[in-house]
Amino acid sequence: MSALLDITFAALADPTRRAILSMLLEDDMAVTDVAEPFAMSLAAISKHLGVLTAAGLISQEKRGRVKWCKLEPDALRAASVWMAGFGQMEPVDLDAFEAFLDRELASLPAEAEPAPQS
């Protein structure tokens, strides 16, 4: 498996990072908005965002004084192709991926689960 696939699957292995990806499915978000629902420091969230950025799953862009995060769904293509090689996987369906992330969020312990957004 290539190093990029290793990084992608390692990034997806963490429930906090999957929760962040689920949040970014809705829209681009400022780093502070990404951090808000989690019971962890901004530094900890920044580390998670760094892992997601290194895997190419998100991009970060500074707009004025605010750093924004954007989902990069095409980054899942290489993982999808690799999984499809087993003949049991369909190409990435972002709706199904969002449903998967929602199920994962529902199974998180309360302290790791993001707070509901109003």
Protein backbone atom coordinates (compact mmCIF):
# COMPACT_ATOMS: atom_id res chain seq x y z
CA MET A 1 0.00 0.00 0.00
CA SER A 2 1.33 3.44 -0.85
CA ALA A 3 2.37 5.93 1.80
CA LEU A 4 -0.56 8.20 0.84
CA LEU A 5 -3.05 5.39 1.44
CA ASP A 6 -1.40 4.67 4.79
CA ILE A 7 -1.83 8.32 5.75
CA THR A 8 -5.44 8.41 4.50
CA PHE A 9 -6.50 5.30 6.42
CA ALA A 10 -4.63 6.44 9.54
CA ALA A 11 -6.47 9.77 9.37
CA LEU A 12 -9.83 8.02 9.00
CA ALA A 13 -9.10 5.69 11.92
CA ASP A 14 -9.72 8.39 14.53
CA PRO A 15 -13.34 9.13 15.54
CA THR A 16 -12.66 12.83 16.15
CA ARG A 17 -11.25 13.23 12.65
CA ARG A 18 -14.22 11.37 11.16
CA ALA A 19 -16.52 13.72 13.10
CA ILE A 20 -14.65 16.71 11.68
CA LEU A 21 -15.04 15.34 8.15
CA SER A 22 -18.74 14.88 8.77
CA MET A 23 -19.04 18.50 9.88
CA LEU A 24 -17.19 19.68 6.78
CA LEU A 25 -19.58 17.77 4.53
CA GLU A 26 -22.06 20.56 5.29
CA ASP A 27 -19.84 23.53 4.40
CA ASP A 28 -16.42 25.11 4.84
CA MET A 29 -15.78 26.08 8.47
CA ALA A 30 -13.41 28.30 10.41
CA VAL A 31 -11.00 26.35 12.64
CA THR A 32 -12.59 27.88 15.74
CA ASP A 33 -16.03 26.70 14.58
CA VAL A 34 -14.67 23.19 13.96
CA ALA A 35 -13.24 23.15 17.50
CA GLU A 36 -16.35 24.50 19.24
CA PRO A 37 -18.36 21.27 19.68
CA PHE A 38 -15.40 19.26 21.01
CA ALA A 39 -14.31 19.01 24.63
CA MET A 40 -10.64 19.47 23.78
CA SER A 41 -8.22 22.33 23.30
CA LEU A 42 -7.84 24.31 20.09
CA ALA A 43 -4.28 22.94 19.92
CA ALA A 44 -5.61 19.36 19.96
CA ILE A 45 -8.11 20.16 17.20
CA SER A 46 -5.33 21.83 15.21
CA LYS A 47 -3.32 18.59 15.42
CA HIS A 48 -6.31 16.63 14.11
CA LEU A 49 -6.72 19.17 11.29
CA GLY A 50 -3.02 18.80 10.48
CA VAL A 51 -3.42 15.03 10.10
CA LEU A 52 -6.46 15.51 7.84
CA THR A 53 -4.57 18.12 5.79
CA ALA A 54 -1.49 15.87 5.45
CA ALA A 55 -3.78 13.11 4.17
CA GLY A 56 -5.28 15.53 1.65
CA LEU A 57 -8.76 15.00 3.10
CA ILE A 58 -9.14 18.70 3.87
CA SER A 59 -7.46 21.90 2.83
CA GLN A 60 -6.89 24.93 5.00
CA GLU A 61 -6.88 28.49 3.74
CA LYS A 62 -6.34 31.76 5.52
CA ARG A 63 -9.02 34.36 4.72
CA GLY A 64 -8.07 37.56 6.45
CA ARG A 65 -7.31 36.64 10.04
CA VAL A 66 -9.39 33.44 9.98
CA LYS A 67 -8.20 30.00 8.93
CA TRP A 68 -10.88 28.02 7.07
CA CYS A 69 -11.16 24.28 6.49
CA LYS A 70 -12.63 22.71 3.39
CA LEU A 71 -13.40 19.06 2.69
CA GLU A 72 -11.47 17.57 -0.25
CA PRO A 73 -13.64 14.56 -1.17
CA ASP A 74 -11.46 13.60 -4.16
CA ALA A 75 -8.77 12.56 -1.67
CA LEU A 76 -10.85 9.47 -0.96
CA ARG A 77 -10.59 8.37 -4.59
CA ALA A 78 -7.26 6.50 -4.15
CA ALA A 79 -8.62 4.70 -1.09
CA SER A 80 -11.79 3.86 -3.00
CA VAL A 81 -9.82 2.46 -5.94
CA TRP A 82 -7.69 0.38 -3.57
CA MET A 83 -10.77 -1.00 -1.80
CA ALA A 84 -12.54 -1.65 -5.12
CA GLY A 85 -9.63 -3.93 -6.00
CA PHE A 86 -11.10 -6.42 -3.55
CA GLY A 87 -14.24 -6.58 -5.67
CA GLN A 88 -16.48 -5.97 -2.69
CA MET A 89 -16.55 -2.18 -2.65
CA GLU A 90 -18.44 0.27 -4.77
CA PRO A 91 -16.89 3.61 -5.79
CA VAL A 92 -17.09 6.28 -3.09
CA ASP A 93 -20.64 7.52 -2.69
CA LEU A 94 -20.47 10.73 -0.67
CA ASP A 95 -24.05 10.32 0.56
CA ALA A 96 -23.19 6.85 1.86
CA PHE A 97 -19.97 8.22 3.35
CA GLU A 98 -21.94 10.93 5.16
CA ALA A 99 -24.36 8.29 6.51
CA PHE A 100 -21.38 6.23 7.68
CA LEU A 101 -19.91 9.23 9.48
CA ASP A 102 -23.27 9.98 11.09
CA ARG A 103 -23.46 6.38 12.38
CA GLU A 104 -19.92 6.65 13.73
CA LEU A 105 -20.77 9.90 15.51
CA ALA A 106 -23.81 8.29 17.07
CA SER A 107 -21.60 5.57 18.55
CA LEU A 108 -19.04 7.96 20.11
CA PRO A 109 -18.84 8.29 23.88
CA ALA A 110 -20.49 11.48 25.11
CA GLU A 111 -17.19 13.24 25.90
CA ALA A 112 -15.86 12.78 22.34
CA GLU A 113 -19.12 13.58 20.59
CA PRO A 114 -19.55 17.10 19.21
CA ALA A 115 -22.24 19.19 20.87
CA PRO A 116 -25.41 19.75 18.83
CA GLN A 117 -25.28 22.86 16.69
CA SER A 118 -28.12 25.33 16.92
